[in-house]
């Protein structure tokens, strides 16, 4: 039996400062909670292809798709790497998005 594909989001790092960004409607936002969730893999692939234009324009680097789950109506990354990228450094909770600047 084939595995059901988890919903996905698209992320990259902003070239100018390295901040983690999430794709939303053809652009980028800072907060995971504001990012676009793709239930359809074809739509996710199309967004990834569109994001390559931002790489060419030197806006972001290394866009990629990652799996998420919806838990109690909130988006949650499946992998630990994405949980950390969404929040900020694990050794200083007073820095990064977890410090309260954004709703992660």
PDB file of N, CA and C in Angstrom:
ATOM      1  N   UNK A   1       0.840  -1.174   0.000  1.00  0.00           N
ATOM      2  CA  UNK A   1       0.000   0.000   0.000  1.00  0.00           C
ATOM      3  C   UNK A   1       0.892   1.246   0.000  1.00  0.00           C
ATOM      4  N   UNK A   2       0.591   2.156  -0.874  1.00  0.00           N
ATOM      5  CA  UNK A   2       1.386   3.388  -0.999  1.00  0.00           C
ATOM      6  C   UNK A   2       1.108   4.320   0.174  1.00  0.00           C
ATOM      7  N   UNK A   3       2.162   4.991   0.616  1.00  0.00           N
ATOM      8  CA  UNK A   3       2.036   5.959   1.705  1.00  0.00           C
ATOM      9  C   UNK A   3       1.305   7.193   1.198  1.00  0.00           C
ATOM     10  N   UNK A   4       0.412   7.694   2.014  1.00  0.00           N
ATOM     11  CA  UNK A   4      -0.281   8.936   1.683  1.00  0.00           C
ATOM     12  C   UNK A   4       0.680  10.081   1.931  1.00  0.00           C
ATOM     13  N   UNK A   5       0.811  10.957   0.959  1.00  0.00           N
ATOM     14  CA  UNK A   5       1.714  12.098   1.057  1.00  0.00           C
ATOM     15  C   UNK A   5       1.195  13.094   2.085  1.00  0.00           C
ATOM     16  N   UNK A   6       2.072  13.469   3.036  1.00  0.00           N
ATOM     17  CA  UNK A   6       1.722  14.533   3.978  1.00  0.00           C
ATOM     18  C   UNK A   6       1.597  15.842   3.221  1.00  0.00           C
ATOM     19  N   UNK A   7       0.833  16.793   3.749  1.00  0.00           N
ATOM     20  CA  UNK A   7       0.844  18.134   3.153  1.00  0.00           C
ATOM     21  C   UNK A   7       2.269  18.683   3.215  1.00  0.00           C
ATOM     22  N   UNK A   8       2.557  19.628   2.353  1.00  0.00           N
ATOM     23  CA  UNK A   8       3.899  20.196   2.303  1.00  0.00           C
ATOM     24  C   UNK A   8       3.861  21.714   2.341  1.00  0.00           C
ATOM     25  N   UNK A   9       4.976  22.270   2.759  1.00  0.00           N
ATOM     26  CA  UNK A   9       5.206  23.713   2.679  1.00  0.00           C
ATOM     27  C   UNK A   9       6.525  23.922   1.950  1.00  0.00           C
ATOM     28  N   UNK A  10       6.724  25.144   1.497  1.00  0.00           N
ATOM     29  CA  UNK A  10       7.936  25.509   0.771  1.00  0.00           C
ATOM     30  C   UNK A  10       8.705  26.519   1.607  1.00  0.00           C
ATOM     31  N   UNK A  11       9.983  26.296   1.761  1.00  0.00           N
ATOM     32  CA  UNK A  11      10.819  27.188   2.554  1.00  0.00           C
ATOM     33  C   UNK A  11      12.108  27.505   1.819  1.00  0.00           C
ATOM     34  N   UNK A  12      12.773  28.559   2.254  1.00  0.00           N
ATOM     35  CA  UNK A  12      14.078  28.959   1.737  1.00  0.00           C
ATOM     36  C   UNK A  12      14.693  29.897   2.771  1.00  0.00           C
ATOM     37  N   UNK A  13      15.919  30.300   2.514  1.00  0.00           N
ATOM     38  CA  UNK A  13      16.562  31.306   3.356  1.00  0.00           C
ATOM     39  C   UNK A  13      16.745  32.581   2.549  1.00  0.00           C
ATOM     40  N   UNK A  14      16.454  33.714   3.191  1.00  0.00           N
ATOM     41  CA  UNK A  14      16.632  35.001   2.542  1.00  0.00           C
ATOM     42  C   UNK A  14      18.127  35.249   2.363  1.00  0.00           C
ATOM     43  N   UNK A  15      18.515  35.609   1.176  1.00  0.00           N
ATOM     44  CA  UNK A  15      19.935  35.742   0.860  1.00  0.00           C
ATOM     45  C   UNK A  15      20.604  36.861   1.655  1.00  0.00           C
ATOM     46  N   UNK A  16      19.935  37.948   1.877  1.00  0.00           N
ATOM     47  CA  UNK A  16      20.572  39.103   2.506  1.00  0.00           C
ATOM     48  C   UNK A  16      20.925  38.871   3.980  1.00  0.00           C
ATOM     49  N   UNK A  17      20.114  38.085   4.709  1.00  0.00           N
ATOM     50  CA  UNK A  17      20.387  37.903   6.136  1.00  0.00           C
ATOM     51  C   UNK A  17      20.237  36.457   6.621  1.00  0.00           C
ATOM     52  N   UNK A  18      19.863  35.551   5.743  1.00  0.00           N
ATOM     53  CA  UNK A  18      19.752  34.143   6.103  1.00  0.00           C
ATOM     54  C   UNK A  18      18.479  33.761   6.828  1.00  0.00           C
ATOM     55  N   UNK A  19      17.576  34.718   7.017  1.00  0.00           N
ATOM     56  CA  UNK A  19      16.352  34.408   7.758  1.00  0.00           C
ATOM     57  C   UNK A  19      15.527  33.353   7.023  1.00  0.00           C
ATOM     58  N   UNK A  20      14.833  32.530   7.789  1.00  0.00           N
ATOM     59  CA  UNK A  20      13.985  31.477   7.234  1.00  0.00           C
ATOM     60  C   UNK A  20      12.694  32.105   6.718  1.00  0.00           C
ATOM     61  N   UNK A  21      12.337  31.754   5.498  1.00  0.00           N
ATOM     62  CA  UNK A  21      11.124  32.269   4.869  1.00  0.00           C
ATOM     63  C   UNK A  21      10.239  31.103   4.446  1.00  0.00           C
ATOM     64  N   UNK A  22       8.942  31.409   4.311  1.00  0.00           N
ATOM     65  CA  UNK A  22       7.958  30.426   3.858  1.00  0.00           C
ATOM     66  C   UNK A  22       7.164  31.013   2.707  1.00  0.00           C
ATOM     67  N   UNK A  23       6.837  30.157   1.761  1.00  0.00           N
ATOM     68  CA  UNK A  23       6.116  30.566   0.547  1.00  0.00           C
ATOM     69  C   UNK A  23       4.653  30.832   0.847  1.00  0.00           C
ATOM     70  N   UNK A  24       4.141  31.919   0.265  1.00  0.00           N
ATOM     71  CA  UNK A  24       2.711  32.205   0.356  1.00  0.00           C
ATOM     72  C   UNK A  24       2.291  32.979  -0.882  1.00  0.00           C
ATOM     73  N   UNK A  25       1.463  32.348  -1.677  1.00  0.00           N
ATOM     74  CA  UNK A  25       0.822  33.004  -2.826  1.00  0.00           C
ATOM     75  C   UNK A  25       1.809  33.744  -3.730  1.00  0.00           C
ATOM     76  N   UNK A  26       2.905  33.108  -4.052  1.00  0.00           N
ATOM     77  CA  UNK A  26       3.853  33.698  -4.989  1.00  0.00           C
ATOM     78  C   UNK A  26       4.871  34.631  -4.368  1.00  0.00           C
ATOM     79  N   UNK A  27       4.931  34.679  -3.054  1.00  0.00           N
ATOM     80  CA  UNK A  27       5.912  35.511  -2.363  1.00  0.00           C
ATOM     81  C   UNK A  27       6.378  34.808  -1.111  1.00  0.00           C
ATOM     82  N   UNK A  28       6.999  35.545  -0.213  1.00  0.00           N
ATOM     83  CA  UNK A  28       7.589  34.956   0.981  1.00  0.00           C
ATOM     84  C   UNK A  28       7.102  35.660   2.232  1.00  0.00           C
ATOM     85  N   UNK A  29       6.909  34.897   3.307  1.00  0.00           N
ATOM     86  CA  UNK A  29       6.551  35.428   4.620  1.00  0.00           C
ATOM     87  C   UNK A  29       7.531  34.869   5.643  1.00  0.00           C
ATOM     88  N   UNK A  30       7.609  35.524   6.790  1.00  0.00           N
ATOM     89  CA  UNK A  30       8.569  35.114   7.819  1.00  0.00           C
ATOM     90  C   UNK A  30       8.054  34.018   8.753  1.00  0.00           C
ATOM     91  N   UNK A  31       6.763  33.985   8.975  1.00  0.00           N
ATOM     92  CA  UNK A  31       6.210  33.069   9.983  1.00  0.00           C
ATOM     93  C   UNK A  31       5.669  31.784   9.359  1.00  0.00           C
ATOM     94  N   UNK A  32       6.018  30.670   9.958  1.00  0.00           N
ATOM     95  CA  UNK A  32       5.505  29.371   9.522  1.00  0.00           C
ATOM     96  C   UNK A  32       3.988  29.383   9.462  1.00  0.00           C
ATOM     97  N   UNK A  33       3.360  29.966  10.482  1.00  0.00           N
ATOM     98  CA  UNK A  33       1.897  29.970  10.566  1.00  0.00           C
ATOM     99  C   UNK A  33       1.237  30.720   9.412  1.00  0.00           C
ATOM    100  N   UNK A  34       1.985  31.594   8.771  1.00  0.00           N
ATOM    101  CA  UNK A  34       1.433  32.371   7.659  1.00  0.00           C
ATOM    102  C   UNK A  34       1.730  31.731   6.305  1.00  0.00           C
ATOM    103  N   UNK A  35       2.557  30.693   6.290  1.00  0.00           N
ATOM    104  CA  UNK A  35       2.944  30.060   5.036  1.00  0.00           C
ATOM    105  C   UNK A  35       1.809  29.244   4.439  1.00  0.00           C
ATOM    106  N   UNK A  36       1.957  28.948   3.159  1.00  0.00           N
ATOM    107  CA  UNK A  36       0.952  28.208   2.403  1.00  0.00           C
ATOM    108  C   UNK A  36       1.195  26.715   2.525  1.00  0.00           C
ATOM    109  N   UNK A  37       0.141  25.970   2.811  1.00  0.00           N
ATOM    110  CA  UNK A  37       0.216  24.513   2.923  1.00  0.00           C
ATOM    111  C   UNK A  37      -0.357  23.909   1.645  1.00  0.00           C
ATOM    112  N   UNK A  38       0.402  22.978   1.063  1.00  0.00           N
ATOM    113  CA  UNK A  38      -0.004  22.330  -0.183  1.00  0.00           C
ATOM    114  C   UNK A  38      -0.441  20.900   0.099  1.00  0.00           C
ATOM    115  N   UNK A  39      -1.708  20.617  -0.108  1.00  0.00           N
ATOM    116  CA  UNK A  39      -2.198  19.247   0.015  1.00  0.00           C
ATOM    117  C   UNK A  39      -1.954  18.477  -1.272  1.00  0.00           C
ATOM    118  N   UNK A  40      -1.847  19.186  -2.378  1.00  0.00           N
ATOM    119  CA  UNK A  40      -1.649  18.582  -3.698  1.00  0.00           C
ATOM    120  C   UNK A  40      -0.163  18.654  -4.074  1.00  0.00           C
ATOM    121  N   UNK A  41       0.501  17.496  -4.252  1.00  0.00           N
ATOM    122  CA  UNK A  41       1.922  17.512  -4.603  1.00  0.00           C
ATOM    123  C   UNK A  41       2.223  18.275  -5.899  1.00  0.00           C
ATOM    124  N   UNK A  42       1.311  18.247  -6.854  1.00  0.00           N
ATOM    125  CA  UNK A  42       1.537  18.967  -8.111  1.00  0.00           C
ATOM    126  C   UNK A  42       1.586  20.474  -7.866  1.00  0.00           C
ATOM    127  N   UNK A  43       0.729  20.978  -6.981  1.00  0.00           N
ATOM    128  CA  UNK A  43       0.760  22.405  -6.649  1.00  0.00           C
ATOM    129  C   UNK A  43       2.038  22.759  -5.886  1.00  0.00           C
ATOM    130  N   UNK A  44       2.485  21.856  -5.028  1.00  0.00           N
ATOM    131  CA  UNK A  44       3.728  22.089  -4.300  1.00  0.00           C
ATOM    132  C   UNK A  44       4.912  22.153  -5.261  1.00  0.00           C
ATOM    133  N   UNK A  45       4.931  21.242  -6.218  1.00  0.00           N
ATOM    134  CA  UNK A  45       6.011  21.243  -7.209  1.00  0.00           C
ATOM    135  C   UNK A  45       5.977  22.507  -8.062  1.00  0.00           C
ATOM    136  N   UNK A  46       4.783  22.978  -8.391  1.00  0.00           N
ATOM    137  CA  UNK A  46       4.660  24.212  -9.179  1.00  0.00           C
ATOM    138  C   UNK A  46       5.171  25.413  -8.385  1.00  0.00           C
ATOM    139  N   UNK A  47       4.874  25.445  -7.094  1.00  0.00           N
ATOM    140  CA  UNK A  47       5.380  26.542  -6.249  1.00  0.00           C
ATOM    141  C   UNK A  47       6.895  26.483  -6.157  1.00  0.00           C
ATOM    142  N   UNK A  48       7.448  25.270  -6.042  1.00  0.00           N
ATOM    143  CA  UNK A  48       8.906  25.124  -5.992  1.00  0.00           C
ATOM    144  C   UNK A  48       9.535  25.625  -7.290  1.00  0.00           C
ATOM    145  N   UNK A  49       8.917  25.303  -8.403  1.00  0.00           N
ATOM    146  CA  UNK A  49       9.428  25.784  -9.690  1.00  0.00           C
ATOM    147  C   UNK A  49       9.367  27.310  -9.751  1.00  0.00           C
ATOM    148  N   UNK A  50       8.288  27.896  -9.248  1.00  0.00           N
ATOM    149  CA  UNK A  50       8.161  29.358  -9.243  1.00  0.00           C
ATOM    150  C   UNK A  50       9.190  30.002  -8.318  1.00  0.00           C
ATOM    151  N   UNK A  51       9.509  29.327  -7.229  1.00  0.00           N
ATOM    152  CA  UNK A  51      10.482  29.860  -6.268  1.00  0.00           C
ATOM    153  C   UNK A  51      11.878  29.947  -6.867  1.00  0.00           C
ATOM    154  N   UNK A  52      12.161  29.133  -7.862  1.00  0.00           N
ATOM    155  CA  UNK A  52      13.488  29.176  -8.502  1.00  0.00           C
ATOM    156  C   UNK A  52      13.758  30.556  -9.109  1.00  0.00           C
ATOM    157  N   UNK A  53      12.717  31.267  -9.493  1.00  0.00           N
ATOM    158  CA  UNK A  53      12.892  32.622  -9.998  1.00  0.00           C
ATOM    159  C   UNK A  53      13.456  33.557  -8.939  1.00  0.00           C
ATOM    160  N   UNK A  54      13.123  33.321  -7.690  1.00  0.00           N
ATOM    161  CA  UNK A  54      13.659  34.140  -6.595  1.00  0.00           C
ATOM    162  C   UNK A  54      15.130  33.815  -6.342  1.00  0.00           C
ATOM    163  N   UNK A  55      15.521  32.582  -6.666  1.00  0.00           N
ATOM    164  CA  UNK A  55      16.937  32.218  -6.564  1.00  0.00           C
ATOM    165  C   UNK A  55      17.716  32.959  -7.650  1.00  0.00           C
ATOM    166  N   UNK A  56      17.193  32.934  -8.849  1.00  0.00           N
ATOM    167  CA  UNK A  56      17.836  33.625  -9.966  1.00  0.00           C
ATOM    168  C   UNK A  56      17.952  35.122  -9.680  1.00  0.00           C
ATOM    169  N   UNK A  57      16.948  35.677  -9.004  1.00  0.00           N
ATOM    170  CA  UNK A  57      16.954  37.092  -8.663  1.00  0.00           C
ATOM    171  C   UNK A  57      17.739  37.429  -7.403  1.00  0.00           C
ATOM    172  N   UNK A  58      18.421  36.441  -6.839  1.00  0.00           N
ATOM    173  CA  UNK A  58      19.246  36.630  -5.634  1.00  0.00           C
ATOM    174  C   UNK A  58      18.448  37.130  -4.429  1.00  0.00           C
ATOM    175  N   UNK A  59      17.224  36.641  -4.298  1.00  0.00           N
ATOM    176  CA  UNK A  59      16.388  36.977  -3.150  1.00  0.00           C
ATOM    177  C   UNK A  59      16.493  35.893  -2.078  1.00  0.00           C
ATOM    178  N   UNK A  60      16.430  34.628  -2.497  1.00  0.00           N
ATOM    179  CA  UNK A  60      16.506  33.493  -1.564  1.00  0.00           C
ATOM    180  C   UNK A  60      17.505  32.478  -2.084  1.00  0.00           C
ATOM    181  N   UNK A  61      17.878  31.551  -1.182  1.00  0.00           N
ATOM    182  CA  UNK A  61      18.725  30.425  -1.578  1.00  0.00           C
ATOM    183  C   UNK A  61      18.058  29.126  -1.142  1.00  0.00           C
ATOM    184  N   UNK A  62      18.313  28.097  -1.894  1.00  0.00           N
ATOM    185  CA  UNK A  62      17.964  26.719  -1.549  1.00  0.00           C
ATOM    186  C   UNK A  62      16.498  26.486  -1.171  1.00  0.00           C
ATOM    187  N   UNK A  63      15.553  26.876  -2.004  1.00  0.00           N
ATOM    188  CA  UNK A  63      14.161  26.540  -1.671  1.00  0.00           C
ATOM    189  C   UNK A  63      13.923  25.034  -1.753  1.00  0.00           C
ATOM    190  N   UNK A  64      13.104  24.535  -0.849  1.00  0.00           N
ATOM    191  CA  UNK A  64      12.743  23.118  -0.864  1.00  0.00           C
ATOM    192  C   UNK A  64      11.412  22.918  -0.151  1.00  0.00           C
ATOM    193  N   UNK A  65      10.814  21.776  -0.436  1.00  0.00           N
ATOM    194  CA  UNK A  65       9.542  21.397   0.174  1.00  0.00           C
ATOM    195  C   UNK A  65       9.808  20.552   1.410  1.00  0.00           C
ATOM    196  N   UNK A  66       8.949  20.693   2.417  1.00  0.00           N
ATOM    197  CA  UNK A  66       9.050  19.830   3.592  1.00  0.00           C
ATOM    198  C   UNK A  66       7.651  19.444   4.047  1.00  0.00           C
ATOM    199  N   UNK A  67       7.569  18.295   4.722  1.00  0.00           N
ATOM    200  CA  UNK A  67       6.293  17.748   5.166  1.00  0.00           C
ATOM    201  C   UNK A  67       5.804  18.435   6.438  1.00  0.00           C
ATOM    202  N   UNK A  68       4.508  18.632   6.510  1.00  0.00           N
ATOM    203  CA  UNK A  68       3.876  19.197   7.700  1.00  0.00           C
ATOM    204  C   UNK A  68       2.630  18.379   8.039  1.00  0.00           C
ATOM    205  N   UNK A  69       2.154  18.579   9.241  1.00  0.00           N
ATOM    206  CA  UNK A  69       0.890  18.002   9.678  1.00  0.00           C
ATOM    207  C   UNK A  69       0.054  19.116  10.284  1.00  0.00           C
ATOM    208  N   UNK A  70      -1.240  18.952  10.226  1.00  0.00           N
ATOM    209  CA  UNK A  70      -2.142  19.887  10.881  1.00  0.00           C
ATOM    210  C   UNK A  70      -2.548  19.266  12.210  1.00  0.00           C
ATOM    211  N   UNK A  71      -2.184  19.943  13.313  1.00  0.00           N
ATOM    212  CA  UNK A  71      -2.480  19.460  14.657  1.00  0.00           C
ATOM    213  C   UNK A  71      -3.282  20.536  15.369  1.00  0.00           C
ATOM    214  N   UNK A  72      -4.491  20.187  15.744  1.00  0.00           N
ATOM    215  CA  UNK A  72      -5.384  21.137  16.416  1.00  0.00           C
ATOM    216  C   UNK A  72      -5.514  22.438  15.628  1.00  0.00           C
ATOM    217  N   UNK A  73      -5.577  22.310  14.320  1.00  0.00           N
ATOM    218  CA  UNK A  73      -5.765  23.475  13.461  1.00  0.00           C
ATOM    219  C   UNK A  73      -4.509  24.282  13.207  1.00  0.00           C
ATOM    220  N   UNK A  74      -3.368  23.823  13.704  1.00  0.00           N
ATOM    221  CA  UNK A  74      -2.105  24.539  13.504  1.00  0.00           C
ATOM    222  C   UNK A  74      -1.148  23.688  12.676  1.00  0.00           C
ATOM    223  N   UNK A  75      -0.348  24.361  11.885  1.00  0.00           N
ATOM    224  CA  UNK A  75       0.637  23.672  11.063  1.00  0.00           C
ATOM    225  C   UNK A  75       1.835  23.304  11.921  1.00  0.00           C
ATOM    226  N   UNK A  76       2.265  22.057  11.827  1.00  0.00           N
ATOM    227  CA  UNK A  76       3.430  21.575  12.565  1.00  0.00           C
ATOM    228  C   UNK A  76       4.350  20.832  11.607  1.00  0.00           C
ATOM    229  N   UNK A  77       5.635  21.203  11.536  1.00  0.00           N
ATOM    230  CA  UNK A  77       6.571  20.437  10.711  1.00  0.00           C
ATOM    231  C   UNK A  77       6.707  19.009  11.234  1.00  0.00           C
ATOM    232  N   UNK A  78       6.934  18.083  10.355  1.00  0.00           N
ATOM    233  CA  UNK A  78       7.107  16.685  10.731  1.00  0.00           C
ATOM    234  C   UNK A  78       8.521  16.446  11.268  1.00  0.00           C
ATOM    235  N   UNK A  79       9.515  17.048  10.640  1.00  0.00           N
ATOM    236  CA  UNK A  79      10.921  16.808  11.003  1.00  0.00           C
ATOM    237  C   UNK A  79      11.435  17.853  11.999  1.00  0.00           C
ATOM    238  N   UNK A  80      12.316  17.383  12.881  1.00  0.00           N
ATOM    239  CA  UNK A  80      12.905  18.251  13.907  1.00  0.00           C
ATOM    240  C   UNK A  80      13.633  19.448  13.300  1.00  0.00           C
ATOM    241  N   UNK A  81      14.313  19.233  12.202  1.00  0.00           N
ATOM    242  CA  UNK A  81      15.049  20.312  11.532  1.00  0.00           C
ATOM    243  C   UNK A  81      14.129  21.498  11.251  1.00  0.00           C
ATOM    244  N   UNK A  82      12.947  21.217  10.755  1.00  0.00           N
ATOM    245  CA  UNK A  82      12.023  22.306  10.398  1.00  0.00           C
ATOM    246  C   UNK A  82      11.401  22.950  11.644  1.00  0.00           C
ATOM    247  N   UNK A  83      11.234  22.180  12.708  1.00  0.00           N
ATOM    248  CA  UNK A  83      10.740  22.757  13.963  1.00  0.00           C
ATOM    249  C   UNK A  83      11.754  23.781  14.479  1.00  0.00           C
ATOM    250  N   UNK A  84      13.033  23.422  14.422  1.00  0.00           N
ATOM    251  CA  UNK A  84      14.090  24.334  14.879  1.00  0.00           C
ATOM    252  C   UNK A  84      14.196  25.539  13.948  1.00  0.00           C
ATOM    253  N   UNK A  85      14.149  25.331  12.642  1.00  0.00           N
ATOM    254  CA  UNK A  85      14.237  26.457  11.700  1.00  0.00           C
ATOM    255  C   UNK A  85      13.091  27.429  11.913  1.00  0.00           C
ATOM    256  N   UNK A  86      11.916  26.916  12.261  1.00  0.00           N
ATOM    257  CA  UNK A  86      10.745  27.783  12.452  1.00  0.00           C
ATOM    258  C   UNK A  86      10.836  28.605  13.727  1.00  0.00           C
ATOM    259  N   UNK A  87      11.530  28.083  14.735  1.00  0.00           N
ATOM    260  CA  UNK A  87      11.560  28.750  16.038  1.00  0.00           C
ATOM    261  C   UNK A  87      12.803  29.604  16.249  1.00  0.00           C
ATOM    262  N   UNK A  88      13.950  29.079  15.922  1.00  0.00           N
ATOM    263  CA  UNK A  88      15.194  29.803  16.166  1.00  0.00           C
ATOM    264  C   UNK A  88      16.179  28.933  16.894  1.00  0.00           C
ATOM    265  N   UNK A  89      17.279  29.518  17.374  1.00  0.00           N
ATOM    266  CA  UNK A  89      18.336  28.721  18.001  1.00  0.00           C
ATOM    267  C   UNK A  89      17.836  27.953  19.223  1.00  0.00           C
ATOM    268  N   UNK A  90      18.305  26.713  19.369  1.00  0.00           N
ATOM    269  CA  UNK A  90      17.874  25.885  20.493  1.00  0.00           C
ATOM    270  C   UNK A  90      18.600  26.243  21.777  1.00  0.00           C
ATOM    271  N   UNK A  91      19.679  26.975  21.690  1.00  0.00           N
ATOM    272  CA  UNK A  91      20.460  27.305  22.876  1.00  0.00           C
ATOM    273  C   UNK A  91      20.120  28.676  23.447  1.00  0.00           C
ATOM    274  N   UNK A  92      19.326  29.467  22.730  1.00  0.00           N
ATOM    275  CA  UNK A  92      18.959  30.809  23.195  1.00  0.00           C
ATOM    276  C   UNK A  92      17.511  31.080  22.809  1.00  0.00           C
ATOM    277  N   UNK A  93      16.609  30.814  23.735  1.00  0.00           N
ATOM    278  CA  UNK A  93      15.194  31.020  23.432  1.00  0.00           C
ATOM    279  C   UNK A  93      14.813  32.501  23.360  1.00  0.00           C
ATOM    280  N   UNK A  94      15.754  33.378  23.699  1.00  0.00           N
ATOM    281  CA  UNK A  94      15.470  34.802  23.608  1.00  0.00           C
ATOM    282  C   UNK A  94      15.806  35.360  22.224  1.00  0.00           C
ATOM    283  N   UNK A  95      16.244  34.493  21.325  1.00  0.00           N
ATOM    284  CA  UNK A  95      16.578  34.914  19.968  1.00  0.00           C
ATOM    285  C   UNK A  95      15.679  34.210  18.965  1.00  0.00           C
ATOM    286  N   UNK A  96      15.612  34.770  17.791  1.00  0.00           N
ATOM    287  CA  UNK A  96      14.867  34.128  16.713  1.00  0.00           C
ATOM    288  C   UNK A  96      13.373  34.336  16.835  1.00  0.00           C
ATOM    289  N   UNK A  97      12.655  33.615  16.047  1.00  0.00           N
ATOM    290  CA  UNK A  97      11.206  33.762  15.981  1.00  0.00           C
ATOM    291  C   UNK A  97      10.529  33.313  17.269  1.00  0.00           C
ATOM    292  N   UNK A  98      11.151  32.393  18.001  1.00  0.00           N
ATOM    293  CA  UNK A  98      10.590  31.918  19.262  1.00  0.00           C
ATOM    294  C   UNK A  98      10.580  32.999  20.345  1.00  0.00           C
ATOM    295  N   UNK A  99      11.348  34.070  20.148  1.00  0.00           N
ATOM    296  CA  UNK A  99      11.426  35.142  21.138  1.00  0.00           C
ATOM    297  C   UNK A  99      10.159  35.995  21.142  1.00  0.00           C
ATOM    298  N   UNK A 100       9.222  35.664  20.274  1.00  0.00           N
ATOM    299  CA  UNK A 100       7.942  36.353  20.307  1.00  0.00           C
ATOM    300  C   UNK A 100       7.725  37.350  19.211  1.00  0.00           C
ATOM    301  N   UNK A 101       8.700  37.474  18.337  1.00  0.00           N
ATOM    302  CA  UNK A 101       8.542  38.428  17.251  1.00  0.00           C
ATOM    303  C   UNK A 101       7.495  37.946  16.266  1.00  0.00           C
ATOM    304  N   UNK A 102       7.421  36.615  16.089  1.00  0.00           N
ATOM    305  CA  UNK A 102       6.480  36.054  15.135  1.00  0.00           C
ATOM    306  C   UNK A 102       5.762  34.870  15.771  1.00  0.00           C
ATOM    307  N   UNK A 103       4.566  34.615  15.280  1.00  0.00           N
ATOM    308  CA  UNK A 103       3.810  33.450  15.717  1.00  0.00           C
ATOM    309  C   UNK A 103       4.297  32.250  14.948  1.00  0.00           C
ATOM    310  N   UNK A 104       5.084  31.387  15.590  1.00  0.00           N
ATOM    311  CA  UNK A 104       5.622  30.208  14.910  1.00  0.00           C
ATOM    312  C   UNK A 104       4.658  29.071  15.061  1.00  0.00           C
TER     313      UNK A 104
END
